[in-house]
Amino acid sequence: MIISLISSAMGMVGGLVPDIFKEVRETREHSRELVRMDKTAELQLKMLDAKTDAKLAEVEGQVYVEEMKAFGKQMEAIYRAQQPVGIKWVDGFNAVIRPATAMLLMLMFVITGGMYITAVLQQFGNGVLDLKGASEIIWGSLVGDAIQAVLGFLFGYRSTKGRIINARRS
């Protein structure tokens, strides 16, 4: 009887074993398929990001080109506006207005800056300020900043202009 009981149990288990193996195999395959699908989705997302970045860069490039074209048209319009119109007094006024305005602004700056510096130097002469304080007041002010900006621009412009001229000669 024990043998029939064991053989019956083995028969039942024997009938379940293939199903259990099949279930384990299908579960593993399903897990692998999910991993593959995740990897595929991740790759597709990376490709989509790359395409989006490329498209964005292309659009930005087109925007930059359009801005440069608009800037060029604006500069051309400014240049055309500077052309002589054929009326002597208008052409004369156009020729004088910029230099006269620049000269007037420079004169106003020199007078204002001169008064400011004179007042600081008078305080230094009267002993109210020491030399360090006077120099910090002058060069730390907008007057000092303006002088430094103009001198820096002029030296930078001249050095760059000299390089450009030398590059053209070579």
N, C-alpha and C. Protein backbone atom coordinates (compact mmCIF):
# COMPACT_ATOMS: atom_id res chain seq x y z
N MET A 1 0.80 -1.19 0.00
CA MET A 1 0.00 0.00 0.00
C MET A 1 0.85 1.26 0.00
N ILE A 2 1.93 1.21 0.69
CA ILE A 2 2.83 2.35 0.72
C ILE A 2 3.36 2.61 -0.69
N ILE A 3 3.64 1.56 -1.39
CA ILE A 3 4.17 1.73 -2.74
C ILE A 3 3.12 2.37 -3.63
N SER A 4 1.88 1.97 -3.52
CA SER A 4 0.85 2.59 -4.35
C SER A 4 0.61 4.03 -3.95
N LEU A 5 0.73 4.31 -2.65
CA LEU A 5 0.57 5.69 -2.20
C LEU A 5 1.72 6.56 -2.75
N ILE A 6 2.92 6.07 -2.67
CA ILE A 6 4.09 6.82 -3.18
C ILE A 6 4.00 6.95 -4.69
N SER A 7 3.61 5.90 -5.35
CA SER A 7 3.51 5.99 -6.81
C SER A 7 2.40 6.94 -7.23
N SER A 8 1.30 6.98 -6.48
CA SER A 8 0.23 7.94 -6.79
C SER A 8 0.71 9.36 -6.57
N ALA A 9 1.40 9.56 -5.45
CA ALA A 9 1.92 10.91 -5.16
C ALA A 9 2.93 11.31 -6.23
N MET A 10 3.80 10.38 -6.60
CA MET A 10 4.79 10.68 -7.63
C MET A 10 4.12 10.95 -8.98
N GLY A 11 3.05 10.27 -9.25
CA GLY A 11 2.31 10.50 -10.49
C GLY A 11 1.70 11.88 -10.51
N MET A 12 1.13 12.30 -9.36
CA MET A 12 0.53 13.64 -9.31
C MET A 12 1.60 14.72 -9.42
N VAL A 13 2.69 14.50 -8.67
CA VAL A 13 3.79 15.48 -8.74
C VAL A 13 4.40 15.45 -10.12
N GLY A 14 4.56 14.25 -10.66
CA GLY A 14 5.12 14.13 -12.01
C GLY A 14 4.28 14.85 -13.04
N GLY A 15 2.97 14.88 -12.82
CA GLY A 15 2.10 15.60 -13.76
C GLY A 15 2.21 17.11 -13.58
N LEU A 16 2.54 17.54 -12.34
CA LEU A 16 2.66 18.99 -12.08
C LEU A 16 4.04 19.56 -12.44
N VAL A 17 5.07 18.74 -12.37
CA VAL A 17 6.44 19.22 -12.61
C VAL A 17 6.57 19.88 -13.98
N PRO A 18 6.10 19.29 -15.06
CA PRO A 18 6.25 20.00 -16.34
C PRO A 18 5.53 21.35 -16.34
N ASP A 19 4.36 21.39 -15.70
CA ASP A 19 3.65 22.68 -15.64
C ASP A 19 4.42 23.69 -14.80
N ILE A 20 5.03 23.24 -13.70
CA ILE A 20 5.82 24.15 -12.87
C ILE A 20 7.03 24.65 -13.65
N PHE A 21 7.73 23.76 -14.34
CA PHE A 21 8.87 24.18 -15.15
C PHE A 21 8.44 25.14 -16.25
N LYS A 22 7.30 24.83 -16.86
CA LYS A 22 6.78 25.71 -17.91
C LYS A 22 6.47 27.09 -17.34
N GLU A 23 5.86 27.15 -16.14
CA GLU A 23 5.51 28.43 -15.50
C GLU A 23 6.78 29.21 -15.16
N VAL A 24 7.78 28.53 -14.63
CA VAL A 24 9.05 29.19 -14.28
C VAL A 24 9.71 29.74 -15.54
N ARG A 25 9.72 28.94 -16.61
CA ARG A 25 10.33 29.36 -17.86
C ARG A 25 9.59 30.57 -18.44
N GLU A 26 8.25 30.54 -18.43
CA GLU A 26 7.47 31.65 -18.97
C GLU A 26 7.65 32.91 -18.12
N THR A 27 7.75 32.74 -16.79
CA THR A 27 7.97 33.90 -15.91
C THR A 27 9.32 34.54 -16.19
N ARG A 28 10.34 33.70 -16.35
CA ARG A 28 11.67 34.24 -16.68
C ARG A 28 11.67 34.92 -18.04
N GLU A 29 11.05 34.30 -19.00
CA GLU A 29 10.98 34.91 -20.34
C GLU A 29 10.22 36.22 -20.29
N HIS A 30 9.14 36.26 -19.51
CA HIS A 30 8.36 37.49 -19.37
C HIS A 30 9.22 38.58 -18.72
N SER A 31 10.00 38.21 -17.70
CA SER A 31 10.89 39.17 -17.04
C SER A 31 11.93 39.70 -18.02
N ARG A 32 12.50 38.81 -18.82
CA ARG A 32 13.48 39.22 -19.83
C ARG A 32 12.84 40.14 -20.86
N GLU A 33 11.63 39.81 -21.27
CA GLU A 33 10.92 40.64 -22.24
C GLU A 33 10.67 42.03 -21.67
N LEU A 34 10.29 42.12 -20.39
CA LEU A 34 10.08 43.43 -19.75
C LEU A 34 11.38 44.23 -19.72
N VAL A 35 12.50 43.55 -19.42
CA VAL A 35 13.80 44.23 -19.41
C VAL A 35 14.13 44.74 -20.81
N ARG A 36 13.90 43.89 -21.83
CA ARG A 36 14.13 44.30 -23.22
C ARG A 36 13.28 45.50 -23.60
N MET A 37 12.00 45.46 -23.19
CA MET A 37 11.10 46.57 -23.51
C MET A 37 11.54 47.86 -22.80
N ASP A 38 12.01 47.73 -21.55
CA ASP A 38 12.53 48.90 -20.84
C ASP A 38 13.75 49.48 -21.54
N LYS A 39 14.66 48.60 -21.95
CA LYS A 39 15.88 49.05 -22.65
C LYS A 39 15.51 49.71 -23.98
N THR A 40 14.58 49.11 -24.70
CA THR A 40 14.14 49.68 -25.98
C THR A 40 13.49 51.05 -25.76
N ALA A 41 12.64 51.14 -24.76
CA ALA A 41 11.99 52.42 -24.46
C ALA A 41 13.03 53.46 -24.05
N GLU A 42 14.01 53.05 -23.28
CA GLU A 42 15.08 53.97 -22.85
C GLU A 42 15.88 54.46 -24.06
N LEU A 43 16.24 53.55 -24.96
CA LEU A 43 16.97 53.93 -26.17
C LEU A 43 16.13 54.86 -27.05
N GLN A 44 14.86 54.56 -27.19
CA GLN A 44 13.98 55.41 -28.00
C GLN A 44 13.87 56.80 -27.37
N LEU A 45 13.81 56.85 -26.04
CA LEU A 45 13.74 58.14 -25.35
C LEU A 45 15.03 58.93 -25.57
N LYS A 46 16.18 58.25 -25.50
CA LYS A 46 17.45 58.93 -25.76
C LYS A 46 17.52 59.44 -27.19
N MET A 47 17.05 58.61 -28.14
CA MET A 47 17.04 59.04 -29.54
C MET A 47 16.11 60.23 -29.73
N LEU A 48 14.96 60.21 -29.08
CA LEU A 48 14.02 61.32 -29.17
C LEU A 48 14.62 62.58 -28.57
N ASP A 49 15.31 62.44 -27.43
CA ASP A 49 15.99 63.59 -26.83
C ASP A 49 17.05 64.16 -27.77
N ALA A 50 17.82 63.25 -28.39
CA ALA A 50 18.86 63.70 -29.31
C ALA A 50 18.25 64.41 -30.51
N LYS A 51 17.18 63.86 -31.05
CA LYS A 51 16.51 64.50 -32.19
C LYS A 51 15.93 65.84 -31.78
N THR A 52 15.37 65.91 -30.58
CA THR A 52 14.81 67.16 -30.08
C THR A 52 15.89 68.21 -29.91
N ASP A 53 17.03 67.80 -29.33
CA ASP A 53 18.14 68.72 -29.16
C ASP A 53 18.67 69.21 -30.51
N ALA A 54 18.77 68.29 -31.46
CA ALA A 54 19.25 68.67 -32.79
C ALA A 54 18.27 69.64 -33.45
N LYS A 55 16.99 69.36 -33.33
CA LYS A 55 15.98 70.24 -33.92
C LYS A 55 16.01 71.61 -33.24
N LEU A 56 16.15 71.61 -31.91
CA LEU A 56 16.23 72.87 -31.17
C LEU A 56 17.46 73.67 -31.60
N ALA A 57 18.58 73.00 -31.75
CA ALA A 57 19.80 73.69 -32.20
C ALA A 57 19.61 74.24 -33.61
N GLU A 58 18.93 73.48 -34.46
CA GLU A 58 18.66 73.95 -35.82
C GLU A 58 17.76 75.18 -35.79
N VAL A 59 16.73 75.16 -34.96
CA VAL A 59 15.82 76.30 -34.85
C VAL A 59 16.56 77.51 -34.30
N GLU A 60 17.39 77.29 -33.26
CA GLU A 60 18.17 78.39 -32.71
C GLU A 60 19.11 78.97 -33.76
N GLY A 61 19.72 78.09 -34.55
CA GLY A 61 20.60 78.54 -35.63
C GLY A 61 19.84 79.38 -36.64
N GLN A 62 18.62 78.94 -36.98
CA GLN A 62 17.81 79.70 -37.92
C GLN A 62 17.41 81.04 -37.34
N VAL A 63 17.09 81.06 -36.04
CA VAL A 63 16.73 82.32 -35.39
C VAL A 63 17.92 83.26 -35.42
N TYR A 64 19.12 82.73 -35.14
CA TYR A 64 20.34 83.56 -35.16
C TYR A 64 20.58 84.11 -36.56
N VAL A 65 20.41 83.27 -37.57
CA VAL A 65 20.59 83.73 -38.95
C VAL A 65 19.59 84.83 -39.29
N GLU A 66 18.35 84.65 -38.87
CA GLU A 66 17.32 85.67 -39.13
C GLU A 66 17.65 86.97 -38.40
N GLU A 67 18.13 86.86 -37.16
CA GLU A 67 18.51 88.06 -36.43
C GLU A 67 19.66 88.78 -37.13
N MET A 68 20.62 88.01 -37.62
CA MET A 68 21.76 88.62 -38.31
C MET A 68 21.31 89.27 -39.62
N LYS A 69 20.37 88.65 -40.31
CA LYS A 69 19.85 89.26 -41.53
C LYS A 69 19.12 90.56 -41.20
N ALA A 70 18.31 90.55 -40.15
CA ALA A 70 17.59 91.76 -39.74
C ALA A 70 18.58 92.84 -39.32
N PHE A 71 19.63 92.46 -38.60
CA PHE A 71 20.65 93.43 -38.20
C PHE A 71 21.34 94.01 -39.43
N GLY A 72 21.66 93.15 -40.39
CA GLY A 72 22.27 93.63 -41.62
C GLY A 72 21.38 94.61 -42.37
N LYS A 73 20.09 94.30 -42.44
CA LYS A 73 19.15 95.21 -43.10
C LYS A 73 19.06 96.54 -42.35
N GLN A 74 19.08 96.47 -41.02
CA GLN A 74 19.03 97.69 -40.22
C GLN A 74 20.29 98.53 -40.46
N MET A 75 21.44 97.89 -40.49
CA MET A 75 22.69 98.62 -40.73
C MET A 75 22.70 99.22 -42.15
N GLU A 76 22.16 98.48 -43.08
CA GLU A 76 22.07 98.99 -44.46
C GLU A 76 21.15 100.21 -44.52
N ALA A 77 20.04 100.16 -43.78
CA ALA A 77 19.12 101.30 -43.74
C ALA A 77 19.80 102.51 -43.10
N ILE A 78 20.57 102.28 -42.05
CA ILE A 78 21.30 103.39 -41.41
C ILE A 78 22.32 103.96 -42.38
N TYR A 79 23.01 103.11 -43.10
CA TYR A 79 24.01 103.57 -44.07
C TYR A 79 23.34 104.37 -45.18
N ARG A 80 22.22 103.88 -45.67
CA ARG A 80 21.51 104.60 -46.74
C ARG A 80 20.98 105.94 -46.24
N ALA A 81 20.59 105.99 -44.97
CA ALA A 81 20.10 107.25 -44.41
C ALA A 81 21.21 108.28 -44.31
N GLN A 82 22.45 107.84 -44.31
CA GLN A 82 23.58 108.75 -44.20
C GLN A 82 24.05 109.27 -45.56
N GLN A 83 23.51 108.75 -46.59
CA GLN A 83 23.90 109.19 -47.93
C GLN A 83 23.43 110.63 -48.16
N PRO A 84 24.23 111.41 -48.87
CA PRO A 84 23.79 112.78 -49.19
C PRO A 84 22.47 112.77 -49.96
N VAL A 85 21.60 113.74 -49.58
CA VAL A 85 20.30 113.81 -50.23
C VAL A 85 20.28 114.81 -51.37
N GLY A 86 21.33 115.62 -51.48
CA GLY A 86 21.40 116.58 -52.56
C GLY A 86 21.01 118.00 -52.16
N ILE A 87 20.49 118.20 -50.98
CA ILE A 87 20.15 119.53 -50.48
C ILE A 87 21.32 119.96 -49.60
N LYS A 88 21.98 121.08 -49.98
CA LYS A 88 23.24 121.44 -49.34
C LYS A 88 23.12 121.65 -47.83
N TRP A 89 22.09 122.38 -47.39
CA TRP A 89 22.00 122.66 -45.95
C TRP A 89 21.68 121.40 -45.15
N VAL A 90 20.90 120.45 -45.73
CA VAL A 90 20.60 119.20 -45.05
C VAL A 90 21.84 118.32 -44.99
N ASP A 91 22.55 118.24 -46.10
CA ASP A 91 23.79 117.46 -46.13
C ASP A 91 24.82 118.06 -45.18
N GLY A 92 24.92 119.38 -45.13
CA GLY A 92 25.85 120.04 -44.21
C GLY A 92 25.48 119.77 -42.75
N PHE A 93 24.18 119.87 -42.45
CA PHE A 93 23.71 119.61 -41.09
C PHE A 93 23.99 118.16 -40.70
N ASN A 94 23.73 117.22 -41.60
CA ASN A 94 24.02 115.81 -41.33
C ASN A 94 25.50 115.57 -41.11
N ALA A 95 26.35 116.32 -41.83
CA ALA A 95 27.80 116.15 -41.69
C ALA A 95 28.30 116.72 -40.37
N VAL A 96 27.63 117.73 -39.82
CA VAL A 96 28.11 118.41 -38.62
C VAL A 96 27.47 117.87 -37.34
N ILE A 97 26.28 117.33 -37.40
CA ILE A 97 25.52 117.01 -36.20
C ILE A 97 26.22 116.00 -35.28
N ARG A 98 26.76 114.93 -35.81
CA ARG A 98 27.41 113.92 -34.96
C ARG A 98 28.69 114.45 -34.33
N PRO A 99 29.60 115.01 -35.10
CA PRO A 99 30.81 115.53 -34.46
C PRO A 99 30.50 116.64 -33.45
N ALA A 100 29.55 117.50 -33.76
CA ALA A 100 29.21 118.59 -32.83
C ALA A 100 28.60 118.02 -31.55
N THR A 101 27.74 117.03 -31.66
CA THR A 101 27.13 116.41 -30.48
C THR A 101 28.19 115.70 -29.63
N ALA A 102 29.06 114.98 -30.28
CA ALA A 102 30.13 114.29 -29.55
C ALA A 102 31.03 115.29 -28.85
N MET A 103 31.39 116.38 -29.55
CA MET A 103 32.25 117.39 -28.95
C MET A 103 31.56 118.05 -27.75
N LEU A 104 30.27 118.36 -27.87
CA LEU A 104 29.52 118.98 -26.79
C LEU A 104 29.45 118.05 -25.57
N LEU A 105 29.18 116.78 -25.80
CA LEU A 105 29.14 115.82 -24.69
C LEU A 105 30.50 115.67 -24.02
N MET A 106 31.56 115.61 -24.81
CA MET A 106 32.90 115.52 -24.24
C MET A 106 33.23 116.77 -23.43
N LEU A 107 32.87 117.92 -23.95
CA LEU A 107 33.11 119.18 -23.24
C LEU A 107 32.35 119.21 -21.91
N MET A 108 31.10 118.78 -21.94
CA MET A 108 30.30 118.73 -20.70
C MET A 108 30.93 117.76 -19.70
N PHE A 109 31.41 116.61 -20.17
CA PHE A 109 32.05 115.65 -19.29
C PHE A 109 33.33 116.21 -18.70
N VAL A 110 34.15 116.86 -19.53
CA VAL A 110 35.42 117.41 -19.05
C VAL A 110 35.16 118.49 -18.01
N ILE A 111 34.19 119.35 -18.25
CA ILE A 111 33.88 120.42 -17.29
C ILE A 111 33.35 119.82 -15.99
N THR A 112 32.39 118.91 -16.07
CA THR A 112 31.82 118.29 -14.87
C THR A 112 32.87 117.49 -14.12
N GLY A 113 33.61 116.65 -14.85
CA GLY A 113 34.67 115.86 -14.22
C GLY A 113 35.75 116.74 -13.62
N GLY A 114 36.09 117.80 -14.31
CA GLY A 114 37.10 118.74 -13.80
C GLY A 114 36.65 119.38 -12.50
N MET A 115 35.39 119.79 -12.45
CA MET A 115 34.88 120.39 -11.21
C MET A 115 34.90 119.37 -10.07
N TYR A 116 34.52 118.13 -10.36
CA TYR A 116 34.49 117.08 -9.35
C TYR A 116 35.90 116.81 -8.82
N ILE A 117 36.84 116.64 -9.74
CA ILE A 117 38.22 116.35 -9.35
C ILE A 117 38.83 117.53 -8.61
N THR A 118 38.53 118.76 -9.06
CA THR A 118 39.04 119.95 -8.38
C THR A 118 38.54 120.01 -6.94
N ALA A 119 37.26 119.69 -6.74
CA ALA A 119 36.70 119.72 -5.38
C ALA A 119 37.37 118.67 -4.49
N VAL A 120 37.62 117.48 -5.03
CA VAL A 120 38.29 116.44 -4.25
C VAL A 120 39.72 116.85 -3.93
N LEU A 121 40.42 117.42 -4.92
CA LEU A 121 41.81 117.84 -4.70
C LEU A 121 41.89 119.01 -3.72
N GLN A 122 40.89 119.89 -3.69
CA GLN A 122 40.86 120.97 -2.71
C GLN A 122 40.72 120.39 -1.30
N GLN A 123 39.87 119.37 -1.15
CA GLN A 123 39.73 118.73 0.16
C GLN A 123 41.05 118.06 0.56
N PHE A 124 41.75 117.49 -0.41
CA PHE A 124 43.07 116.91 -0.14
C PHE A 124 44.05 118.00 0.28
N GLY A 125 44.02 119.14 -0.44
CA GLY A 125 44.91 120.26 -0.11
C GLY A 125 44.61 120.85 1.25
N ASN A 126 43.36 120.86 1.66
CA ASN A 126 42.98 121.40 2.96
C ASN A 126 43.22 120.40 4.10
N GLY A 127 43.64 119.19 3.77
CA GLY A 127 43.93 118.20 4.79
C GLY A 127 42.73 117.39 5.23
N VAL A 128 41.57 117.55 4.57
CA VAL A 128 40.37 116.78 4.94
C VAL A 128 40.53 115.33 4.50
N LEU A 129 41.17 115.12 3.36
CA LEU A 129 41.37 113.77 2.81
C LEU A 129 42.85 113.49 2.70
N ASP A 130 43.22 112.23 2.87
CA ASP A 130 44.59 111.84 2.56
C ASP A 130 44.66 111.42 1.09
N LEU A 131 45.86 111.13 0.61
CA LEU A 131 46.04 110.82 -0.81
C LEU A 131 45.28 109.55 -1.22
N LYS A 132 45.30 108.54 -0.35
CA LYS A 132 44.59 107.29 -0.65
C LYS A 132 43.09 107.54 -0.75
N GLY A 133 42.52 108.29 0.19
CA GLY A 133 41.09 108.58 0.17
C GLY A 133 40.69 109.38 -1.06
N ALA A 134 41.52 110.36 -1.42
CA ALA A 134 41.22 111.17 -2.60
C ALA A 134 41.24 110.33 -3.87
N SER A 135 42.26 109.46 -3.98
CA SER A 135 42.33 108.62 -5.19
C SER A 135 41.17 107.63 -5.25
N GLU A 136 40.76 107.10 -4.08
CA GLU A 136 39.62 106.17 -4.06
C GLU A 136 38.32 106.89 -4.43
N ILE A 137 38.18 108.12 -4.00
CA ILE A 137 36.97 108.88 -4.34
C ILE A 137 36.94 109.18 -5.84
N ILE A 138 38.07 109.59 -6.38
CA ILE A 138 38.10 109.96 -7.81
C ILE A 138 37.93 108.71 -8.68
N TRP A 139 38.77 107.68 -8.48
CA TRP A 139 38.74 106.52 -9.37
C TRP A 139 37.62 105.55 -9.03
N GLY A 140 37.01 105.68 -7.87
CA GLY A 140 35.87 104.83 -7.52
C GLY A 140 34.54 105.43 -7.92
N SER A 141 34.56 106.64 -8.48
CA SER A 141 33.32 107.31 -8.87
C SER A 141 32.98 107.01 -10.32
N LEU A 142 31.84 107.52 -10.75
CA LEU A 142 31.45 107.36 -12.16
C LEU A 142 32.41 108.09 -13.09
N VAL A 143 33.00 109.19 -12.60
CA VAL A 143 33.98 109.92 -13.41
C VAL A 143 35.18 109.03 -13.69
N GLY A 144 35.70 108.38 -12.64
CA GLY A 144 36.83 107.47 -12.82
C GLY A 144 36.47 106.29 -13.70
N ASP A 145 35.27 105.74 -13.50
CA ASP A 145 34.82 104.62 -14.34
C ASP A 145 34.72 105.04 -15.80
N ALA A 146 34.20 106.24 -16.05
CA ALA A 146 34.06 106.71 -17.42
C ALA A 146 35.43 106.91 -18.06
N ILE A 147 36.37 107.48 -17.32
CA ILE A 147 37.72 107.67 -17.87
C ILE A 147 38.35 106.32 -18.19
N GLN A 148 38.24 105.38 -17.26
CA GLN A 148 38.81 104.05 -17.50
C GLN A 148 38.14 103.35 -18.68
N ALA A 149 36.84 103.50 -18.80
CA ALA A 149 36.12 102.85 -19.91
C ALA A 149 36.55 103.43 -21.25
N VAL A 150 36.66 104.74 -21.33
CA VAL A 150 37.07 105.39 -22.59
C VAL A 150 38.49 105.01 -22.95
N LEU A 151 39.40 105.09 -21.98
CA LEU A 151 40.79 104.73 -22.26
C LEU A 151 40.91 103.25 -22.64
N GLY A 152 40.20 102.38 -21.91
CA GLY A 152 40.23 100.95 -22.25
C GLY A 152 39.71 100.69 -23.64
N PHE A 153 38.62 101.36 -24.01
CA PHE A 153 38.07 101.17 -25.35
C PHE A 153 39.06 101.64 -26.41
N LEU A 154 39.63 102.82 -26.20
CA LEU A 154 40.56 103.37 -27.19
C LEU A 154 41.79 102.49 -27.36
N PHE A 155 42.38 102.02 -26.25
CA PHE A 155 43.54 101.14 -26.37
C PHE A 155 43.17 99.81 -27.00
N GLY A 156 42.04 99.25 -26.62
CA GLY A 156 41.59 98.00 -27.22
C GLY A 156 41.30 98.16 -28.70
N TYR A 157 40.66 99.26 -29.07
CA TYR A 157 40.33 99.53 -30.47
C TYR A 157 41.60 99.67 -31.30
N ARG A 158 42.56 100.43 -30.76
CA ARG A 158 43.80 100.66 -31.52
C ARG A 158 44.61 99.37 -31.65
N SER A 159 44.68 98.58 -30.60
CA SER A 159 45.45 97.34 -30.70
C SER A 159 44.78 96.37 -31.67
N THR A 160 43.46 96.30 -31.65
CA THR A 160 42.74 95.42 -32.57
C THR A 160 42.86 95.94 -34.00
N LYS A 161 42.73 97.24 -34.17
CA LYS A 161 42.82 97.83 -35.51
C LYS A 161 44.21 97.59 -36.07
N GLY A 162 45.25 97.70 -35.23
CA GLY A 162 46.62 97.44 -35.68
C GLY A 162 46.80 96.00 -36.12
N ARG A 163 46.20 95.06 -35.40
CA ARG A 163 46.30 93.65 -35.77
C ARG A 163 45.58 93.37 -37.08
N ILE A 164 44.45 93.99 -37.26
CA ILE A 164 43.68 93.78 -38.49
C ILE A 164 44.45 94.31 -39.68
N ILE A 165 45.03 95.50 -39.53
CA ILE A 165 45.80 96.09 -40.64
C ILE A 165 46.99 95.23 -40.95
N ASN A 166 47.72 94.75 -39.91
CA ASN A 166 48.88 93.89 -40.13
C ASN A 166 48.48 92.56 -40.74
N ALA A 167 47.32 92.02 -40.37
CA ALA A 167 46.85 90.75 -40.94
C ALA A 167 46.51 90.92 -42.42
N ARG A 168 45.96 92.08 -42.80
CA ARG A 168 45.62 92.31 -44.19
C ARG A 168 46.88 92.44 -45.04
N ARG A 169 47.93 93.02 -44.47
CA ARG A 169 49.19 93.20 -45.22
C ARG A 169 49.88 91.87 -45.46
N SER A 170 49.71 90.89 -44.54
CA SER A 170 50.43 89.63 -44.70
C SER A 170 49.80 88.72 -45.69
